[in-house]
């Protein structure tokens, strides 16, 4: 299809729907001049589509979709914005104290564990290293790394219970009593 023929199909569809598009945009905007500006943008997009426009099943729907998008963009650009004052006080939201206390307790308990336990817990549970990668890096078999991690988790669980007042159920942490964290 030649460029002239592709423009012919755009012009035919445009002539058939321009008036209703203009009326729709003017009604939505309440401003005929702004509607004409958006209508021009829609026409340019249709012309740029060229051959692709000619194979559309429903050129009217395509034109309305482009007009709707142009309208939304226009409203977003022209919506009044009130700048915030420069001296607006900002306070970061307060994190839940129990979570902070538990995080502090976990960090403190990790320091109390044997270095090998603390290392595997940090790498596999906190940093996301796979057990296979840990095993390879430390000259262990994968089952050996898994066993080491399970033993380290058991010692961590015991220390969290004793030191921080953490109670565990079948799904993990049930309750945390941060007041006992200093014990």
N, C-alpha and C. Protein backbone atom coordinates (compact mmCIF):
# COMPACT_ATOMS: atom_id res chain seq x y z
N UNK A 1 0.86 -1.17 0.00
CA UNK A 1 0.00 0.00 0.00
C UNK A 1 0.90 1.23 0.00
N UNK A 2 0.62 2.16 -0.86
CA UNK A 2 1.46 3.37 -0.95
C UNK A 2 1.13 4.31 0.20
N UNK A 3 2.04 5.28 0.43
CA UNK A 3 1.84 6.25 1.51
C UNK A 3 0.58 7.06 1.26
N UNK A 4 0.31 7.41 -0.01
CA UNK A 4 -0.88 8.20 -0.33
C UNK A 4 -2.15 7.42 0.00
N UNK A 5 -2.17 6.12 -0.30
CA UNK A 5 -3.36 5.31 -0.01
C UNK A 5 -3.55 5.15 1.49
N UNK A 6 -2.42 5.04 2.27
CA UNK A 6 -2.58 4.90 3.71
C UNK A 6 -3.14 6.17 4.30
N UNK A 7 -2.77 7.32 3.75
CA UNK A 7 -3.32 8.57 4.24
C UNK A 7 -4.79 8.70 3.85
N UNK A 8 -5.19 8.13 2.70
CA UNK A 8 -6.59 8.19 2.27
C UNK A 8 -7.50 7.50 3.29
N UNK A 9 -7.11 6.35 3.79
CA UNK A 9 -7.97 5.64 4.73
C UNK A 9 -8.03 6.41 6.07
N UNK A 10 -6.94 7.05 6.46
CA UNK A 10 -6.95 7.86 7.69
C UNK A 10 -7.88 9.05 7.48
N UNK A 11 -7.77 9.70 6.33
CA UNK A 11 -8.61 10.88 6.07
C UNK A 11 -10.10 10.51 5.99
N UNK A 12 -10.41 9.36 5.39
CA UNK A 12 -11.82 8.95 5.32
C UNK A 12 -12.38 8.73 6.74
N UNK A 13 -11.62 8.00 7.58
CA UNK A 13 -12.09 7.76 8.95
C UNK A 13 -12.15 9.07 9.73
N UNK A 14 -11.17 9.92 9.50
CA UNK A 14 -11.15 11.20 10.22
C UNK A 14 -12.36 12.05 9.86
N UNK A 15 -12.65 12.14 8.57
CA UNK A 15 -13.80 12.94 8.12
C UNK A 15 -15.10 12.38 8.68
N UNK A 16 -15.17 11.07 8.82
CA UNK A 16 -16.40 10.45 9.32
C UNK A 16 -16.60 10.68 10.82
N UNK A 17 -15.50 10.87 11.59
CA UNK A 17 -15.63 10.91 13.04
C UNK A 17 -15.14 12.19 13.71
N UNK A 18 -14.58 13.10 12.95
CA UNK A 18 -14.00 14.30 13.54
C UNK A 18 -15.02 15.11 14.33
N UNK A 19 -16.19 15.34 13.80
CA UNK A 19 -17.19 16.18 14.45
C UNK A 19 -17.63 15.58 15.79
N UNK A 20 -17.87 14.27 15.82
CA UNK A 20 -18.29 13.67 17.08
C UNK A 20 -17.16 13.64 18.10
N UNK A 21 -15.91 13.46 17.65
CA UNK A 21 -14.77 13.52 18.56
C UNK A 21 -14.62 14.92 19.16
N UNK A 22 -14.77 15.94 18.29
CA UNK A 22 -14.67 17.33 18.77
C UNK A 22 -15.76 17.61 19.81
N UNK A 23 -16.96 17.19 19.53
CA UNK A 23 -18.07 17.42 20.47
C UNK A 23 -17.81 16.69 21.78
N UNK A 24 -17.33 15.48 21.71
CA UNK A 24 -17.05 14.70 22.91
C UNK A 24 -15.96 15.37 23.75
N UNK A 25 -14.87 15.77 23.12
CA UNK A 25 -13.78 16.41 23.85
C UNK A 25 -14.21 17.76 24.43
N UNK A 26 -14.97 18.53 23.66
CA UNK A 26 -15.43 19.83 24.15
C UNK A 26 -16.36 19.64 25.35
N UNK A 27 -17.22 18.64 25.28
CA UNK A 27 -18.12 18.37 26.40
C UNK A 27 -17.32 17.95 27.63
N UNK A 28 -16.32 17.08 27.45
CA UNK A 28 -15.53 16.61 28.59
C UNK A 28 -14.67 17.71 29.20
N UNK A 29 -14.12 18.57 28.35
CA UNK A 29 -13.22 19.62 28.83
C UNK A 29 -13.94 20.91 29.21
N UNK A 30 -15.06 21.15 28.58
CA UNK A 30 -15.75 22.43 28.80
C UNK A 30 -14.99 23.59 28.17
N UNK A 31 -14.15 23.31 27.20
CA UNK A 31 -13.31 24.32 26.57
C UNK A 31 -13.09 23.91 25.12
N UNK A 32 -13.70 24.63 24.19
CA UNK A 32 -13.62 24.27 22.77
C UNK A 32 -12.21 24.40 22.23
N UNK A 33 -11.47 25.41 22.68
CA UNK A 33 -10.10 25.60 22.18
C UNK A 33 -9.20 24.46 22.63
N UNK A 34 -9.33 24.04 23.87
CA UNK A 34 -8.53 22.92 24.36
C UNK A 34 -8.93 21.64 23.64
N UNK A 35 -10.23 21.48 23.35
CA UNK A 35 -10.70 20.31 22.62
C UNK A 35 -10.08 20.28 21.23
N UNK A 36 -10.00 21.42 20.56
CA UNK A 36 -9.39 21.47 19.23
C UNK A 36 -7.90 21.10 19.29
N UNK A 37 -7.21 21.55 20.34
CA UNK A 37 -5.80 21.20 20.49
C UNK A 37 -5.63 19.69 20.63
N UNK A 38 -6.46 19.07 21.48
CA UNK A 38 -6.37 17.62 21.66
C UNK A 38 -6.77 16.88 20.38
N UNK A 39 -7.76 17.41 19.70
CA UNK A 39 -8.21 16.80 18.46
C UNK A 39 -7.09 16.79 17.43
N UNK A 40 -6.30 17.85 17.40
CA UNK A 40 -5.16 17.92 16.49
C UNK A 40 -4.14 16.83 16.85
N UNK A 41 -3.92 16.62 18.14
CA UNK A 41 -2.99 15.57 18.57
C UNK A 41 -3.49 14.19 18.13
N UNK A 42 -4.79 13.97 18.23
CA UNK A 42 -5.37 12.69 17.82
C UNK A 42 -5.17 12.49 16.32
N UNK A 43 -5.38 13.54 15.55
CA UNK A 43 -5.21 13.46 14.10
C UNK A 43 -3.76 13.12 13.74
N UNK A 44 -2.82 13.78 14.40
CA UNK A 44 -1.41 13.53 14.13
C UNK A 44 -1.07 12.07 14.44
N UNK A 45 -1.58 11.54 15.54
CA UNK A 45 -1.31 10.13 15.87
C UNK A 45 -1.91 9.20 14.83
N UNK A 46 -3.08 9.53 14.34
CA UNK A 46 -3.70 8.70 13.31
C UNK A 46 -2.88 8.74 12.03
N UNK A 47 -2.39 9.90 11.67
CA UNK A 47 -1.57 10.01 10.46
C UNK A 47 -0.25 9.25 10.64
N UNK A 48 0.32 9.32 11.81
CA UNK A 48 1.57 8.59 12.06
C UNK A 48 1.35 7.08 12.03
N UNK A 49 0.17 6.65 12.42
CA UNK A 49 -0.12 5.22 12.38
C UNK A 49 -0.15 4.71 10.95
N UNK A 50 -0.55 5.57 10.00
CA UNK A 50 -0.52 5.26 8.57
C UNK A 50 -1.14 3.92 8.22
N UNK A 51 -0.33 3.01 7.70
CA UNK A 51 -0.82 1.70 7.24
C UNK A 51 -1.46 0.89 8.36
N UNK A 52 -0.92 0.99 9.56
CA UNK A 52 -1.49 0.25 10.67
C UNK A 52 -2.92 0.70 10.95
N UNK A 53 -3.19 1.97 10.74
CA UNK A 53 -4.53 2.49 10.95
C UNK A 53 -5.51 1.86 9.96
N UNK A 54 -5.05 1.66 8.74
CA UNK A 54 -5.93 1.16 7.68
C UNK A 54 -6.38 -0.28 7.90
N UNK A 55 -5.67 -1.03 8.69
CA UNK A 55 -6.06 -2.42 8.91
C UNK A 55 -6.86 -2.60 10.20
N UNK A 56 -7.20 -1.53 10.87
CA UNK A 56 -7.98 -1.62 12.10
C UNK A 56 -9.38 -2.12 11.80
N UNK A 57 -9.91 -2.93 12.69
CA UNK A 57 -11.29 -3.40 12.54
C UNK A 57 -12.27 -2.28 12.84
N UNK A 58 -11.92 -1.41 13.78
CA UNK A 58 -12.84 -0.36 14.20
C UNK A 58 -12.06 0.95 14.39
N UNK A 59 -11.86 1.71 13.31
CA UNK A 59 -11.09 2.95 13.40
C UNK A 59 -11.73 3.96 14.37
N UNK A 60 -13.05 3.97 14.47
CA UNK A 60 -13.73 4.89 15.38
C UNK A 60 -13.33 4.62 16.82
N UNK A 61 -13.31 3.34 17.21
CA UNK A 61 -12.92 2.98 18.57
C UNK A 61 -11.47 3.36 18.84
N UNK A 62 -10.60 3.17 17.85
CA UNK A 62 -9.20 3.54 18.00
C UNK A 62 -9.08 5.04 18.21
N UNK A 63 -9.80 5.83 17.42
CA UNK A 63 -9.75 7.29 17.55
C UNK A 63 -10.26 7.72 18.93
N UNK A 64 -11.32 7.10 19.40
CA UNK A 64 -11.84 7.45 20.72
C UNK A 64 -10.86 7.06 21.83
N UNK A 65 -10.19 5.94 21.68
CA UNK A 65 -9.21 5.53 22.69
C UNK A 65 -8.04 6.51 22.73
N UNK A 66 -7.56 6.92 21.58
CA UNK A 66 -6.46 7.90 21.52
C UNK A 66 -6.94 9.23 22.10
N UNK A 67 -8.17 9.63 21.78
CA UNK A 67 -8.72 10.88 22.33
C UNK A 67 -8.85 10.79 23.85
N UNK A 68 -9.30 9.66 24.34
CA UNK A 68 -9.44 9.46 25.78
C UNK A 68 -8.08 9.55 26.48
N UNK A 69 -7.06 8.92 25.89
CA UNK A 69 -5.72 9.00 26.46
C UNK A 69 -5.18 10.42 26.44
N UNK A 70 -5.42 11.13 25.35
CA UNK A 70 -4.97 12.53 25.25
C UNK A 70 -5.69 13.39 26.29
N UNK A 71 -6.96 13.12 26.51
CA UNK A 71 -7.74 13.85 27.50
C UNK A 71 -7.18 13.61 28.91
N UNK A 72 -6.89 12.37 29.23
CA UNK A 72 -6.34 12.05 30.55
C UNK A 72 -4.99 12.74 30.74
N UNK A 73 -4.14 12.68 29.73
CA UNK A 73 -2.83 13.35 29.82
C UNK A 73 -3.00 14.85 30.01
N UNK A 74 -3.94 15.44 29.30
CA UNK A 74 -4.19 16.87 29.41
C UNK A 74 -4.66 17.25 30.81
N UNK A 75 -5.58 16.49 31.34
CA UNK A 75 -6.10 16.77 32.68
C UNK A 75 -5.00 16.64 33.72
N UNK A 76 -4.16 15.64 33.58
CA UNK A 76 -3.04 15.47 34.52
C UNK A 76 -2.07 16.65 34.44
N UNK A 77 -1.79 17.10 33.23
CA UNK A 77 -0.85 18.22 33.06
C UNK A 77 -1.40 19.53 33.60
N UNK A 78 -2.69 19.74 33.43
CA UNK A 78 -3.27 21.04 33.77
C UNK A 78 -3.95 21.08 35.13
N UNK A 79 -4.00 19.97 35.82
CA UNK A 79 -4.62 19.94 37.14
C UNK A 79 -3.84 20.88 38.07
N UNK A 80 -4.55 21.70 38.82
CA UNK A 80 -3.84 22.61 39.71
C UNK A 80 -3.15 21.84 40.83
N UNK A 81 -1.94 22.25 41.11
CA UNK A 81 -1.16 21.64 42.18
C UNK A 81 -0.77 22.73 43.15
N UNK A 82 -0.91 22.42 44.39
CA UNK A 82 -0.48 23.37 45.42
C UNK A 82 0.85 22.89 45.95
N UNK A 83 1.89 23.70 45.80
CA UNK A 83 3.19 23.25 46.27
C UNK A 83 3.21 23.13 47.79
N UNK A 84 3.96 22.17 48.27
CA UNK A 84 4.12 22.00 49.71
C UNK A 84 5.12 23.02 50.22
N UNK A 85 4.90 23.54 51.41
CA UNK A 85 5.85 24.50 51.95
C UNK A 85 7.20 23.82 52.23
N UNK A 86 8.28 24.59 52.05
CA UNK A 86 9.62 24.05 52.27
C UNK A 86 9.87 23.69 53.73
N UNK A 87 9.19 24.37 54.62
CA UNK A 87 9.44 24.14 56.05
C UNK A 87 8.47 23.13 56.67
N UNK A 88 7.88 22.30 55.83
CA UNK A 88 6.94 21.30 56.31
C UNK A 88 7.67 20.31 57.20
N UNK A 89 7.25 20.15 58.44
CA UNK A 89 7.95 19.21 59.31
C UNK A 89 7.69 17.78 58.84
N UNK A 90 8.74 17.00 58.87
CA UNK A 90 8.61 15.61 58.46
C UNK A 90 9.19 14.73 59.54
N UNK A 91 8.42 13.78 59.92
CA UNK A 91 8.88 12.81 60.89
C UNK A 91 8.69 11.43 60.28
N UNK A 92 9.74 10.64 60.32
CA UNK A 92 9.58 9.29 59.77
C UNK A 92 8.58 8.52 60.61
N UNK A 93 7.84 7.63 59.97
CA UNK A 93 6.88 6.85 60.74
C UNK A 93 7.61 5.97 61.75
N UNK A 94 6.99 5.83 62.89
CA UNK A 94 7.61 5.02 63.93
C UNK A 94 7.40 3.55 63.62
N UNK A 95 8.50 2.80 63.55
CA UNK A 95 8.33 1.36 63.31
C UNK A 95 7.75 0.69 64.55
N UNK A 96 7.11 -0.42 64.36
CA UNK A 96 6.56 -1.12 65.52
C UNK A 96 7.69 -1.48 66.48
N UNK A 97 7.59 -1.07 67.73
CA UNK A 97 8.68 -1.31 68.66
C UNK A 97 9.01 -2.78 68.88
N UNK A 98 8.04 -3.66 68.86
CA UNK A 98 8.31 -5.08 69.10
C UNK A 98 9.18 -5.65 67.98
N UNK A 99 8.94 -5.23 66.76
CA UNK A 99 9.74 -5.72 65.64
C UNK A 99 11.17 -5.23 65.77
N UNK A 100 11.34 -3.95 66.12
CA UNK A 100 12.69 -3.41 66.30
C UNK A 100 13.41 -4.14 67.42
N UNK A 101 12.71 -4.36 68.52
CA UNK A 101 13.33 -5.04 69.65
C UNK A 101 13.72 -6.46 69.26
N UNK A 102 12.87 -7.14 68.48
CA UNK A 102 13.19 -8.50 68.05
C UNK A 102 14.39 -8.48 67.10
N UNK A 103 14.44 -7.52 66.19
CA UNK A 103 15.58 -7.42 65.27
C UNK A 103 16.87 -7.16 66.05
N UNK A 104 16.80 -6.27 67.03
CA UNK A 104 17.98 -6.01 67.87
C UNK A 104 18.40 -7.26 68.62
N UNK A 105 17.42 -7.99 69.11
CA UNK A 105 17.70 -9.21 69.87
C UNK A 105 18.34 -10.26 68.97
N UNK A 106 17.84 -10.43 67.75
CA UNK A 106 18.41 -11.40 66.82
C UNK A 106 19.86 -11.04 66.54
N UNK A 107 20.13 -9.77 66.31
CA UNK A 107 21.51 -9.34 66.05
C UNK A 107 22.40 -9.62 67.26
N UNK A 108 21.90 -9.35 68.44
CA UNK A 108 22.67 -9.58 69.67
C UNK A 108 22.92 -11.08 69.88
N UNK A 109 21.91 -11.90 69.65
CA UNK A 109 22.04 -13.34 69.84
C UNK A 109 22.99 -13.94 68.80
N UNK A 110 22.95 -13.44 67.56
CA UNK A 110 23.87 -13.95 66.55
C UNK A 110 25.32 -13.75 66.98
N UNK A 111 25.60 -12.64 67.67
CA UNK A 111 26.96 -12.38 68.16
C UNK A 111 27.37 -13.36 69.26
N UNK A 112 26.39 -13.91 69.96
CA UNK A 112 26.67 -14.82 71.06
C UNK A 112 26.86 -16.26 70.60
N UNK A 113 26.41 -16.56 69.40
CA UNK A 113 26.51 -17.93 68.88
C UNK A 113 27.95 -18.23 68.44
N UNK A 114 28.30 -19.51 68.35
CA UNK A 114 29.61 -19.85 67.79
C UNK A 114 29.74 -19.26 66.38
N UNK A 115 30.93 -18.84 65.98
CA UNK A 115 31.12 -18.19 64.68
C UNK A 115 30.59 -19.00 63.50
N UNK A 116 30.76 -20.32 63.51
CA UNK A 116 30.27 -21.14 62.39
C UNK A 116 28.75 -21.08 62.30
N UNK A 117 28.06 -21.09 63.45
CA UNK A 117 26.60 -20.99 63.46
C UNK A 117 26.15 -19.63 62.94
N UNK A 118 26.77 -18.59 63.47
CA UNK A 118 26.40 -17.23 63.05
C UNK A 118 26.63 -17.05 61.56
N UNK A 119 27.73 -17.59 61.04
CA UNK A 119 28.05 -17.43 59.62
C UNK A 119 27.01 -18.10 58.73
N UNK A 120 26.67 -19.34 59.01
CA UNK A 120 25.71 -20.04 58.15
C UNK A 120 24.31 -19.42 58.25
N UNK A 121 23.94 -18.95 59.44
CA UNK A 121 22.63 -18.30 59.59
C UNK A 121 22.59 -16.99 58.81
N UNK A 122 23.65 -16.21 58.92
CA UNK A 122 23.68 -14.93 58.19
C UNK A 122 23.63 -15.17 56.68
N UNK A 123 24.46 -16.07 56.21
CA UNK A 123 24.56 -16.27 54.76
C UNK A 123 23.30 -16.92 54.17
N UNK A 124 22.82 -17.98 54.80
CA UNK A 124 21.69 -18.72 54.22
C UNK A 124 20.34 -18.12 54.58
N UNK A 125 20.15 -17.72 55.83
CA UNK A 125 18.83 -17.24 56.24
C UNK A 125 18.65 -15.74 56.05
N UNK A 126 19.70 -14.97 56.25
CA UNK A 126 19.55 -13.52 56.16
C UNK A 126 19.95 -12.97 54.79
N UNK A 127 20.99 -13.53 54.18
CA UNK A 127 21.46 -13.01 52.90
C UNK A 127 20.92 -13.79 51.70
N UNK A 128 20.29 -14.93 51.95
CA UNK A 128 19.65 -15.67 50.88
C UNK A 128 20.54 -16.59 50.08
N UNK A 129 21.75 -16.87 50.55
CA UNK A 129 22.62 -17.80 49.84
C UNK A 129 22.02 -19.20 49.94
N UNK A 130 22.10 -19.95 48.86
CA UNK A 130 21.55 -21.31 48.89
C UNK A 130 22.47 -22.19 49.71
N UNK A 131 21.91 -23.25 50.24
CA UNK A 131 22.69 -24.20 51.03
C UNK A 131 23.74 -24.88 50.17
N UNK A 132 23.41 -25.13 48.91
CA UNK A 132 24.37 -25.76 48.00
C UNK A 132 25.56 -24.83 47.76
N UNK A 133 25.29 -23.53 47.56
CA UNK A 133 26.38 -22.57 47.36
C UNK A 133 27.23 -22.45 48.61
N UNK A 134 26.57 -22.45 49.77
CA UNK A 134 27.31 -22.38 51.03
C UNK A 134 28.21 -23.61 51.18
N UNK A 135 27.66 -24.77 50.87
CA UNK A 135 28.43 -26.01 50.98
C UNK A 135 29.65 -25.96 50.08
N UNK A 136 29.46 -25.53 48.84
CA UNK A 136 30.56 -25.45 47.89
C UNK A 136 31.64 -24.48 48.38
N UNK A 137 31.22 -23.31 48.89
CA UNK A 137 32.17 -22.29 49.33
C UNK A 137 32.94 -22.71 50.58
N UNK A 138 32.37 -23.62 51.38
CA UNK A 138 33.00 -23.99 52.65
C UNK A 138 33.51 -25.43 52.66
N UNK A 139 33.57 -26.06 51.48
CA UNK A 139 34.10 -27.41 51.38
C UNK A 139 33.27 -28.45 52.10
N UNK A 140 31.96 -28.27 52.11
CA UNK A 140 31.05 -29.21 52.77
C UNK A 140 30.22 -29.93 51.73
N UNK A 141 29.67 -31.05 52.12
CA UNK A 141 28.66 -31.68 51.27
C UNK A 141 27.35 -30.93 51.51
N UNK A 142 26.42 -31.04 50.58
CA UNK A 142 25.12 -30.37 50.75
C UNK A 142 24.41 -30.91 51.99
N UNK A 143 24.36 -32.23 52.21
CA UNK A 143 23.73 -32.71 53.44
C UNK A 143 24.44 -32.19 54.70
N UNK A 144 25.76 -32.04 54.62
CA UNK A 144 26.50 -31.50 55.76
C UNK A 144 26.13 -30.06 56.04
N UNK A 145 25.96 -29.27 54.99
CA UNK A 145 25.56 -27.87 55.16
C UNK A 145 24.14 -27.79 55.72
N UNK A 146 23.28 -28.68 55.24
CA UNK A 146 21.90 -28.68 55.75
C UNK A 146 21.87 -29.03 57.23
N UNK A 147 22.65 -29.99 57.62
CA UNK A 147 22.71 -30.38 59.03
C UNK A 147 23.26 -29.24 59.88
N UNK A 148 24.33 -28.61 59.40
CA UNK A 148 24.92 -27.49 60.14
C UNK A 148 23.91 -26.37 60.31
N UNK A 149 23.16 -26.07 59.25
CA UNK A 149 22.15 -25.00 59.32
C UNK A 149 21.05 -25.36 60.30
N UNK A 150 20.59 -26.61 60.30
CA UNK A 150 19.54 -27.03 61.22
C UNK A 150 20.00 -26.92 62.68
N UNK A 151 21.24 -27.35 62.94
CA UNK A 151 21.77 -27.24 64.31
C UNK A 151 21.91 -25.76 64.71
N UNK A 152 22.36 -24.92 63.80
CA UNK A 152 22.51 -23.50 64.10
C UNK A 152 21.15 -22.86 64.36
N UNK A 153 20.14 -23.24 63.60
CA UNK A 153 18.79 -22.71 63.83
C UNK A 153 18.27 -23.13 65.19
N UNK A 154 18.54 -24.37 65.58
CA UNK A 154 18.08 -24.85 66.89
C UNK A 154 18.75 -24.06 68.01
N UNK A 155 20.06 -23.80 67.89
CA UNK A 155 20.75 -23.01 68.92
C UNK A 155 20.25 -21.57 68.94
N UNK A 156 19.96 -21.01 67.75
CA UNK A 156 19.42 -19.65 67.68
C UNK A 156 18.05 -19.60 68.36
N UNK A 157 17.22 -20.57 68.06
CA UNK A 157 15.88 -20.64 68.65
C UNK A 157 15.97 -20.70 70.18
N UNK A 158 16.86 -21.52 70.68
CA UNK A 158 17.03 -21.67 72.13
C UNK A 158 17.48 -20.34 72.75
N UNK A 159 18.43 -19.68 72.12
CA UNK A 159 18.93 -18.39 72.65
C UNK A 159 17.87 -17.31 72.58
N UNK A 160 17.10 -17.27 71.49
CA UNK A 160 16.04 -16.27 71.38
C UNK A 160 15.00 -16.47 72.49
N UNK A 161 14.71 -17.72 72.80
CA UNK A 161 13.75 -18.01 73.86
C UNK A 161 14.28 -17.56 75.21
N UNK A 162 15.55 -17.88 75.48
CA UNK A 162 16.14 -17.53 76.77
C UNK A 162 16.42 -16.04 76.90
N UNK A 163 17.01 -15.45 75.89
CA UNK A 163 17.50 -14.08 75.99
C UNK A 163 16.41 -13.05 75.74
N UNK A 164 15.52 -13.30 74.80
CA UNK A 164 14.59 -12.26 74.34
C UNK A 164 13.14 -12.52 74.70
N UNK A 165 12.85 -13.63 75.30
CA UNK A 165 11.46 -13.91 75.65
C UNK A 165 10.62 -14.27 74.45
N UNK A 166 11.23 -14.79 73.42
CA UNK A 166 10.49 -15.20 72.23
C UNK A 166 9.85 -16.56 72.50
N UNK A 167 8.57 -16.67 72.16
CA UNK A 167 7.88 -17.95 72.24
C UNK A 167 7.59 -18.40 70.83
N UNK A 168 7.77 -19.66 70.57
CA UNK A 168 7.58 -20.21 69.24
C UNK A 168 6.42 -21.19 69.22
N UNK A 169 5.72 -21.20 68.09
CA UNK A 169 4.70 -22.22 67.89
C UNK A 169 5.09 -23.01 66.64
N UNK A 170 4.18 -23.79 66.09
CA UNK A 170 4.51 -24.63 64.94
C UNK A 170 4.84 -23.81 63.69
N UNK A 171 4.32 -22.60 63.59
CA UNK A 171 4.56 -21.78 62.41
C UNK A 171 5.74 -20.82 62.57
N UNK A 172 6.32 -20.73 63.72
CA UNK A 172 7.46 -19.83 63.91
C UNK A 172 7.25 -18.97 65.13
N UNK A 173 7.57 -17.68 65.02
CA UNK A 173 7.46 -16.76 66.15
C UNK A 173 5.99 -16.56 66.48
N UNK A 174 5.67 -16.79 67.72
CA UNK A 174 4.30 -16.58 68.19
C UNK A 174 4.22 -15.25 68.91
N UNK A 175 5.09 -15.10 69.85
CA UNK A 175 4.99 -13.92 70.71
C UNK A 175 6.40 -13.45 71.06
N UNK A 176 6.49 -12.17 71.29
CA UNK A 176 7.79 -11.60 71.66
C UNK A 176 7.54 -10.61 72.77
N UNK A 177 8.29 -10.74 73.83
CA UNK A 177 8.15 -9.84 74.97
C UNK A 177 9.40 -8.96 75.03
N UNK A 178 9.39 -7.81 74.33
CA UNK A 178 10.59 -6.99 74.28
C UNK A 178 11.05 -6.47 75.63
N UNK A 179 10.16 -6.41 76.61
CA UNK A 179 10.55 -5.92 77.96
C UNK A 179 11.58 -6.84 78.56
N UNK A 180 11.56 -8.13 78.21
CA UNK A 180 12.51 -9.09 78.77
C UNK A 180 13.79 -9.16 77.96
N UNK A 181 13.89 -8.35 76.89
CA UNK A 181 15.05 -8.42 76.01
C UNK A 181 16.35 -8.05 76.72
N UNK A 182 16.28 -7.26 77.77
CA UNK A 182 17.48 -6.84 78.47
C UNK A 182 18.00 -7.93 79.40
N UNK A 183 17.24 -8.97 79.59
CA UNK A 183 17.63 -10.05 80.52
C UNK A 183 18.90 -10.74 80.09
